[in-house]
Amino acid sequence: MLTFWSLVLVWNFGQNPKTDKPGEPAAKTTAPATSPDAKKADQKGDAKKAEAPKEPDSEADKFVRAQAEKLDKLTSVSAEVIYTTRNQDQLIQQRGAYKTGPNNRMRVELAFGEGAAGGKRIYVCDGSSAYTIEEFGDLKRAMLIKIDRIKPLLDDKNMTDNDRNTMWNGMVPYQKPGAMLRAFLDSITFTEKKDDKLGERDVVRLEGRWRKNAVTLLAGGDESKTIDDIDARVPRFMSLVLDKQTGWPLQIEMFQRIASVGVVKPLISIKFSKLVIGQSTPEAEFKFTPPSTMAVQDMTPVMESGLKRMIDQNAAQKAAQKDKPAAPPTPPAAGEQKKQP
């Protein structure tokens, strides 16, 4: 199912630490989920019927896919990141750092608010154990997933690529940039591409709109609808700025039309700065030892159980398909019997 937050880099930037339940992955708030048309599609439970054929890639889309392949080869990256959301004319910012290393090492740390109303979230993985940590006032909690126990199950031959990607994205809340660019292309087609400058850096600036199949899904399967018929809260177009040399997404913005004043403003933006690629990050940056005062919920057994059930179900379906007798050949229609020699 298409979700708005599949179009951005992060998993839990917009959550409220006061309302999220301790130890549970926070809910993915999605703009289309609040759309009446999108709810109709969910209630029908017929996503396949609601999804129109996907339009072919534009030349700009092919360029973005090529940049994603370049990004897949990067192992060590560090940058500062600012994530901004807008609620009417109020801007809410979260600032922090993004760091990756080889073998699934990652650290993303974001701070928001000030004083007693402020807090921070951290995702840190040393390749074996992954922690998602929240600190808000006196509240300190963490969720642990032991990647080294989960990955062999994800790699099982009975896991489909779709199931594998879904489960991995559920465990790792921050997509790597190559995967993020491909996720954009599932729902967005880029229609404009030009060389530009961002400060002193050479960049490629692209603008994209929703693909027709995405609009149809948001409209509950009605192929006659256009983006103008969709809930006004859903962004209308996207701007993407890539570093020309590396392909790194330096700026990502989703624009919303404000009907009351007739202007377009960014609803969501992610901006990277001080980008450093290829320089190793100290191993200590990817380590975390929770203090004795922090509540830690180990979600590994739950993940293992769910994956094993999925593997068993997929294996049973494969076996059933293999044992299913072949359909008898369709007899020729009357008057079409083959002539005997």
Protein backbone atom coordinates (compact mmCIF):
# COMPACT_ATOMS: atom_id res chain seq x y z
CA MET A 1 0.00 0.00 0.00
CA LEU A 2 1.24 3.47 -0.83
CA THR A 3 2.07 5.57 2.22
CA PHE A 4 3.22 9.16 2.24
CA TRP A 5 6.07 8.51 4.67
CA SER A 6 7.57 5.94 2.29
CA LEU A 7 8.64 9.02 0.34
CA VAL A 8 10.99 10.37 2.99
CA LEU A 9 14.23 9.23 4.49
CA VAL A 10 13.10 8.66 8.05
CA TRP A 11 10.70 6.53 10.02
CA ASN A 12 9.78 8.42 13.17
CA PHE A 13 10.69 12.10 12.79
CA GLY A 14 7.16 13.37 13.35
CA GLN A 15 6.20 11.28 16.37
CA ASN A 16 5.22 12.67 19.73
CA PRO A 17 7.28 11.10 22.53
CA LYS A 18 4.51 11.92 25.00
CA THR A 19 1.98 9.72 23.22
CA ASP A 20 4.05 6.90 21.71
CA LYS A 21 3.79 3.71 23.75
CA PRO A 22 7.04 2.60 25.40
CA GLY A 23 8.69 -0.33 23.73
CA GLU A 24 6.50 -0.28 20.64
CA PRO A 25 7.54 0.88 17.18
CA ALA A 26 5.88 4.24 16.72
CA ALA A 27 3.02 4.46 14.27
CA LYS A 28 3.78 5.80 10.81
CA THR A 29 1.52 8.80 10.44
CA THR A 30 0.60 9.14 6.79
CA ALA A 31 -1.14 11.89 4.94
CA PRO A 32 -3.07 9.56 2.61
CA ALA A 33 -4.28 7.57 5.61
CA THR A 34 -6.25 10.65 6.64
CA SER A 35 -7.68 11.05 3.18
CA PRO A 36 -11.28 9.84 2.83
CA ASP A 37 -10.51 8.50 -0.64
CA ALA A 38 -7.54 6.52 0.63
CA LYS A 39 -9.65 5.10 3.46
CA LYS A 40 -12.16 3.82 0.93
CA ALA A 41 -9.41 1.87 -0.80
CA ASP A 42 -8.33 0.36 2.52
CA GLN A 43 -11.87 -0.61 3.43
CA LYS A 44 -12.37 -2.33 0.12
CA GLY A 45 -9.21 -4.32 0.78
CA ASP A 46 -8.62 -4.42 -2.94
CA ALA A 47 -5.32 -2.60 -3.48
CA LYS A 48 -4.58 -4.47 -6.68
CA LYS A 49 -7.83 -3.35 -8.23
CA ALA A 50 -7.24 0.23 -7.08
CA GLU A 51 -3.76 0.40 -8.56
CA ALA A 52 -3.52 1.48 -12.19
CA PRO A 53 -0.69 0.30 -14.44
CA LYS A 54 2.55 2.10 -13.61
CA GLU A 55 3.65 4.66 -16.16
CA PRO A 56 7.10 4.15 -17.71
CA ASP A 57 10.17 5.91 -16.34
CA SER A 58 11.06 9.31 -17.73
CA GLU A 59 14.66 10.05 -18.70
CA ALA A 60 15.01 11.90 -15.38
CA ASP A 61 13.72 8.81 -13.54
CA LYS A 62 16.39 6.70 -15.25
CA PHE A 63 18.97 9.22 -14.10
CA VAL A 64 17.74 8.95 -10.49
CA ARG A 65 17.91 5.14 -10.63
CA ALA A 66 21.51 5.38 -11.84
CA GLN A 67 22.36 7.67 -8.92
CA ALA A 68 20.78 5.16 -6.50
CA GLU A 69 23.11 2.46 -7.82
CA LYS A 70 26.09 4.76 -7.16
CA LEU A 71 24.89 5.40 -3.61
CA ASP A 72 24.56 1.66 -2.90
CA LYS A 73 28.35 1.41 -3.19
CA LEU A 74 29.04 4.00 -0.46
CA THR A 75 29.99 2.54 2.92
CA SER A 76 31.18 5.46 5.04
CA VAL A 77 29.21 8.72 5.14
CA SER A 78 28.71 11.46 7.70
CA ALA A 79 26.60 14.60 7.50
CA GLU A 80 24.57 17.05 9.50
CA VAL A 81 20.82 16.87 8.87
CA ILE A 82 17.90 19.21 9.44
CA TYR A 83 14.37 17.84 9.18
CA THR A 84 11.58 20.43 9.02
CA THR A 85 7.81 20.03 9.00
CA ARG A 86 5.22 22.77 8.68
CA ASN A 87 1.90 22.95 10.48
CA GLN A 88 0.09 25.86 8.82
CA ASP A 89 2.69 28.63 9.32
CA GLN A 90 4.51 26.99 12.21
CA LEU A 91 7.83 25.32 11.37
CA ILE A 92 9.04 22.43 13.53
CA GLN A 93 12.70 21.50 13.17
CA GLN A 94 14.79 18.57 14.26
CA ARG A 95 18.57 18.77 13.94
CA GLY A 96 21.25 16.17 14.24
CA ALA A 97 23.78 13.89 12.61
CA TYR A 98 23.65 11.03 10.11
CA LYS A 99 26.52 8.51 9.99
CA THR A 100 26.94 5.17 8.25
CA GLY A 101 29.66 2.56 8.17
CA PRO A 102 30.19 -0.86 6.58
CA ASN A 103 28.08 -3.92 7.46
CA ASN A 104 24.89 -2.08 8.45
CA ARG A 105 26.56 0.26 10.92
CA MET A 106 24.51 3.40 11.36
CA ARG A 107 23.91 6.24 13.79
CA VAL A 108 21.21 8.88 13.37
CA GLU A 109 20.71 11.35 16.20
CA LEU A 110 18.08 14.11 16.17
CA ALA A 111 17.24 16.72 18.77
CA PHE A 112 14.00 18.69 18.90
CA GLY A 113 12.49 21.38 21.11
CA GLU A 114 14.19 23.19 23.97
CA GLY A 115 14.44 22.77 27.71
CA ALA A 116 11.76 20.65 29.37
CA ALA A 117 9.84 20.49 26.09
CA GLY A 118 12.84 19.20 24.17
CA GLY A 119 14.21 15.76 23.59
CA LYS A 120 16.11 13.55 21.19
CA ARG A 121 15.91 10.28 19.32
CA ILE A 122 18.81 8.06 18.38
CA TYR A 123 19.10 5.01 16.17
CA VAL A 124 22.44 3.25 16.56
CA CYS A 125 23.55 -0.09 15.12
CA ASP A 126 26.99 -1.72 15.34
CA GLY A 127 26.04 -4.35 12.76
CA SER A 128 24.95 -6.86 15.40
CA SER A 129 22.64 -4.99 17.77
CA ALA A 130 20.35 -2.09 16.84
CA TYR A 131 18.90 0.31 19.41
CA THR A 132 16.17 2.90 18.92
CA ILE A 133 16.41 5.30 21.85
CA GLU A 134 14.05 8.06 22.96
CA GLU A 135 14.76 10.70 25.57
CA PHE A 136 12.11 13.23 26.49
CA GLY A 137 12.34 14.93 29.87
CA ASP A 138 12.48 12.18 32.47
CA LEU A 139 11.39 9.56 29.93
CA LYS A 140 14.22 7.37 28.65
CA ARG A 141 13.49 4.15 26.79
CA ALA A 142 15.01 1.94 24.15
CA MET A 143 14.02 -0.85 21.80
CA LEU A 144 16.60 -3.49 20.86
CA ILE A 145 16.73 -5.75 17.81
CA LYS A 146 19.63 -8.19 17.47
CA ILE A 147 20.40 -7.95 13.78
CA ASP A 148 22.79 -10.92 13.80
CA ARG A 149 19.92 -13.18 14.87
CA ILE A 150 17.38 -11.73 12.46
CA LYS A 151 19.45 -11.46 9.28
CA PRO A 152 19.77 -15.25 8.66
CA LEU A 153 15.97 -15.47 8.69
CA LEU A 154 15.68 -12.55 6.27
CA ASP A 155 18.13 -14.30 3.96
CA ASP A 156 16.11 -17.54 3.96
CA LYS A 157 15.29 -18.79 0.44
CA ASN A 158 11.58 -18.84 1.30
CA MET A 159 11.47 -15.08 1.97
CA THR A 160 10.20 -13.05 -0.96
CA ASP A 161 12.02 -9.84 -1.89
CA ASN A 162 8.94 -7.82 -0.96
CA ASP A 163 8.65 -9.46 2.49
CA ARG A 164 12.38 -9.09 3.06
CA ASN A 165 12.36 -5.38 2.23
CA THR A 166 9.25 -4.74 4.32
CA MET A 167 10.68 -6.45 7.39
CA TRP A 168 14.09 -4.81 7.00
CA ASN A 169 12.57 -1.35 6.70
CA GLY A 170 10.57 -2.09 9.85
CA MET A 171 13.75 -2.90 11.76
CA VAL A 172 15.93 -0.11 10.36
CA PRO A 173 13.95 3.13 10.67
CA TYR A 174 16.26 5.18 8.44
CA GLN A 175 16.56 4.20 4.82
CA LYS A 176 19.92 4.38 3.16
CA PRO A 177 19.90 6.92 0.32
CA GLY A 178 19.97 4.44 -2.56
CA ALA A 179 16.90 2.65 -1.22
CA MET A 180 15.27 6.01 -0.54
CA LEU A 181 15.66 7.20 -4.14
CA ARG A 182 14.14 3.96 -5.45
CA ALA A 183 11.26 4.32 -2.98
CA PHE A 184 10.55 7.78 -4.40
CA LEU A 185 10.33 6.31 -7.89
CA ASP A 186 7.62 3.87 -6.84
CA SER A 187 5.27 6.84 -6.47
CA ILE A 188 6.92 9.86 -8.09
CA THR A 189 8.02 10.48 -11.67
CA PHE A 190 10.52 13.27 -12.23
CA THR A 191 9.59 15.59 -15.07
CA GLU A 192 12.25 18.32 -14.84
CA LYS A 193 16.04 18.04 -14.48
CA LYS A 194 18.68 20.76 -14.63
CA ASP A 195 22.22 21.48 -13.49
CA ASP A 196 22.46 24.04 -10.70
CA LYS A 197 24.53 25.30 -7.78
CA LEU A 198 23.93 24.84 -4.06
CA GLY A 199 26.39 27.24 -2.49
CA GLU A 200 29.72 26.25 -4.04
CA ARG A 201 28.60 22.68 -4.78
CA ASP A 202 27.56 21.51 -8.25
CA VAL A 203 24.15 19.84 -8.05
CA VAL A 204 21.37 18.42 -10.17
CA ARG A 205 17.93 19.78 -9.34
CA LEU A 206 14.87 17.65 -10.18
CA GLU A 207 11.15 18.19 -9.80
CA GLY A 208 8.63 15.37 -9.71
CA ARG A 209 4.92 14.72 -9.52
CA TRP A 210 2.83 11.76 -8.37
CA ARG A 211 2.64 8.88 -10.81
CA LYS A 212 -0.81 8.16 -12.17
CA ASN A 213 -0.98 4.78 -10.39
CA ALA A 214 -0.24 6.56 -7.08
CA VAL A 215 -2.99 9.12 -7.68
CA THR A 216 -5.42 6.32 -8.56
CA LEU A 217 -4.61 4.49 -5.35
CA LEU A 218 -5.04 7.67 -3.29
CA ALA A 219 -8.39 8.19 -5.03
CA GLY A 220 -9.68 4.78 -3.93
CA GLY A 221 -9.22 3.21 -7.36
CA ASP A 222 -10.98 5.87 -9.42
CA GLU A 223 -8.79 6.26 -12.52
CA SER A 224 -10.65 9.39 -13.61
CA LYS A 225 -9.31 11.39 -10.65
CA THR A 226 -6.34 13.74 -10.84
CA ILE A 227 -4.14 15.07 -8.05
CA ASP A 228 -6.44 18.11 -7.82
CA ASP A 229 -9.23 15.78 -6.65
CA ILE A 230 -7.13 14.35 -3.80
CA ASP A 231 -7.23 15.58 -0.20
CA ALA A 232 -5.56 19.00 -0.13
CA ARG A 233 -3.28 17.89 2.71
CA VAL A 234 -1.41 15.55 0.35
CA PRO A 235 1.63 17.32 -1.19
CA ARG A 236 1.34 18.20 -4.87
CA PHE A 237 4.93 17.85 -6.07
CA MET A 238 8.46 17.09 -4.94
CA SER A 239 11.85 18.76 -5.35
CA LEU A 240 15.05 16.73 -5.15
CA VAL A 241 18.59 18.15 -5.18
CA LEU A 242 21.42 15.66 -5.77
CA ASP A 243 25.13 16.25 -5.38
CA LYS A 244 26.43 16.09 -8.96
CA GLN A 245 29.57 14.15 -8.09
CA THR A 246 28.22 11.51 -5.69
CA GLY A 247 24.44 11.51 -6.26
CA TRP A 248 23.80 12.17 -2.56
CA PRO A 249 20.33 13.71 -1.89
CA LEU A 250 21.29 17.06 -0.34
CA GLN A 251 17.73 18.42 -0.22
CA ILE A 252 14.32 16.75 -0.35
CA GLU A 253 11.15 18.83 -0.23
CA MET A 254 7.46 17.96 -0.59
CA PHE A 255 5.29 20.95 -1.52
CA GLN A 256 1.69 21.53 -0.46
CA ARG A 257 -0.72 24.04 -1.97
CA ILE A 258 -2.27 26.33 0.65
CA ALA A 259 -5.73 26.90 -0.81
CA SER A 260 -6.67 29.74 1.55
CA VAL A 261 -3.85 31.95 0.28
CA GLY A 262 -3.22 30.34 -3.11
CA VAL A 263 0.49 29.66 -2.61
CA VAL A 264 2.72 26.59 -2.50
CA LYS A 265 4.95 25.95 0.52
CA PRO A 266 7.15 23.06 1.63
CA LEU A 267 5.30 20.69 3.93
CA ILE A 268 8.34 18.55 4.64
CA SER A 269 12.02 19.16 3.97
CA ILE A 270 15.20 17.22 4.69
CA LYS A 271 18.52 18.98 4.19
CA PHE A 272 22.02 17.56 4.53
CA SER A 273 25.13 19.68 5.06
CA LYS A 274 28.82 19.15 5.85
CA LEU A 275 28.70 15.97 3.79
CA VAL A 276 31.80 13.76 4.08
CA ILE A 277 32.02 10.56 2.02
CA GLY A 278 34.67 7.85 2.29
CA GLN A 279 36.12 8.89 5.64
CA SER A 280 35.83 6.17 8.29
CA THR A 281 33.77 6.93 11.39
CA PRO A 282 35.23 5.76 14.74
CA GLU A 283 33.74 2.42 15.78
CA ALA A 284 32.69 3.92 19.12
CA GLU A 285 30.09 6.03 17.27
CA PHE A 286 28.15 2.86 16.45
CA LYS A 287 28.25 1.41 19.98
CA PHE A 288 25.60 1.87 22.65
CA THR A 289 25.36 0.49 26.18
CA PRO A 290 22.05 1.39 27.85
CA PRO A 291 22.34 2.74 31.39
CA SER A 292 20.79 0.70 34.17
CA THR A 293 18.06 3.33 34.57
CA MET A 294 16.83 2.97 30.98
CA ALA A 295 13.96 0.62 30.12
CA VAL A 296 14.98 -1.59 27.19
CA GLN A 297 12.53 -3.84 25.37
CA ASP A 298 14.14 -6.61 23.35
CA MET A 299 11.96 -7.05 20.25
CA THR A 300 14.19 -9.81 18.81
CA PRO A 301 12.02 -12.79 19.93
CA VAL A 302 8.91 -11.15 18.45
CA MET A 303 10.70 -10.50 15.16
CA GLU A 304 12.09 -14.05 15.06
CA SER A 305 8.68 -15.57 15.68
CA GLY A 306 7.03 -13.48 12.97
CA LEU A 307 9.75 -14.24 10.43
CA LYS A 308 9.63 -17.98 11.11
CA ARG A 309 5.85 -18.00 10.58
CA MET A 310 6.31 -16.08 7.32
CA ILE A 311 8.98 -18.52 6.14
CA ASP A 312 6.80 -21.53 6.97
CA GLN A 313 3.80 -20.01 5.18
CA ASN A 314 5.83 -19.18 2.08
CA ALA A 315 7.37 -22.66 2.05
CA ALA A 316 3.92 -24.27 2.33
CA GLN A 317 2.61 -22.14 -0.54
CA LYS A 318 5.56 -23.13 -2.73
CA ALA A 319 5.01 -26.80 -1.94
CA ALA A 320 1.30 -26.53 -2.71
CA GLN A 321 2.04 -24.90 -6.07
CA LYS A 322 4.60 -27.58 -6.88
CA ASP A 323 2.20 -30.45 -6.03
CA LYS A 324 -0.74 -28.86 -7.81
CA PRO A 325 -1.67 -31.01 -10.84
CA ALA A 326 -1.27 -29.35 -14.20
CA ALA A 327 -4.49 -28.10 -15.76
CA PRO A 328 -5.73 -30.36 -18.57
CA PRO A 329 -5.29 -28.93 -22.07
CA THR A 330 -8.23 -26.96 -23.37
CA PRO A 331 -10.09 -29.03 -26.01
CA PRO A 332 -10.38 -27.41 -29.44
CA ALA A 333 -13.62 -25.68 -30.23
CA ALA A 334 -16.20 -27.41 -32.37
CA GLY A 335 -15.19 -27.52 -36.02
CA GLU A 336 -11.53 -27.00 -35.14
CA GLN A 337 -10.54 -30.69 -34.70
CA LYS A 338 -7.19 -31.45 -36.21
CA LYS A 339 -7.38 -33.44 -39.42
CA GLN A 340 -5.79 -36.87 -39.21
CA PRO A 341 -3.22 -37.62 -41.92
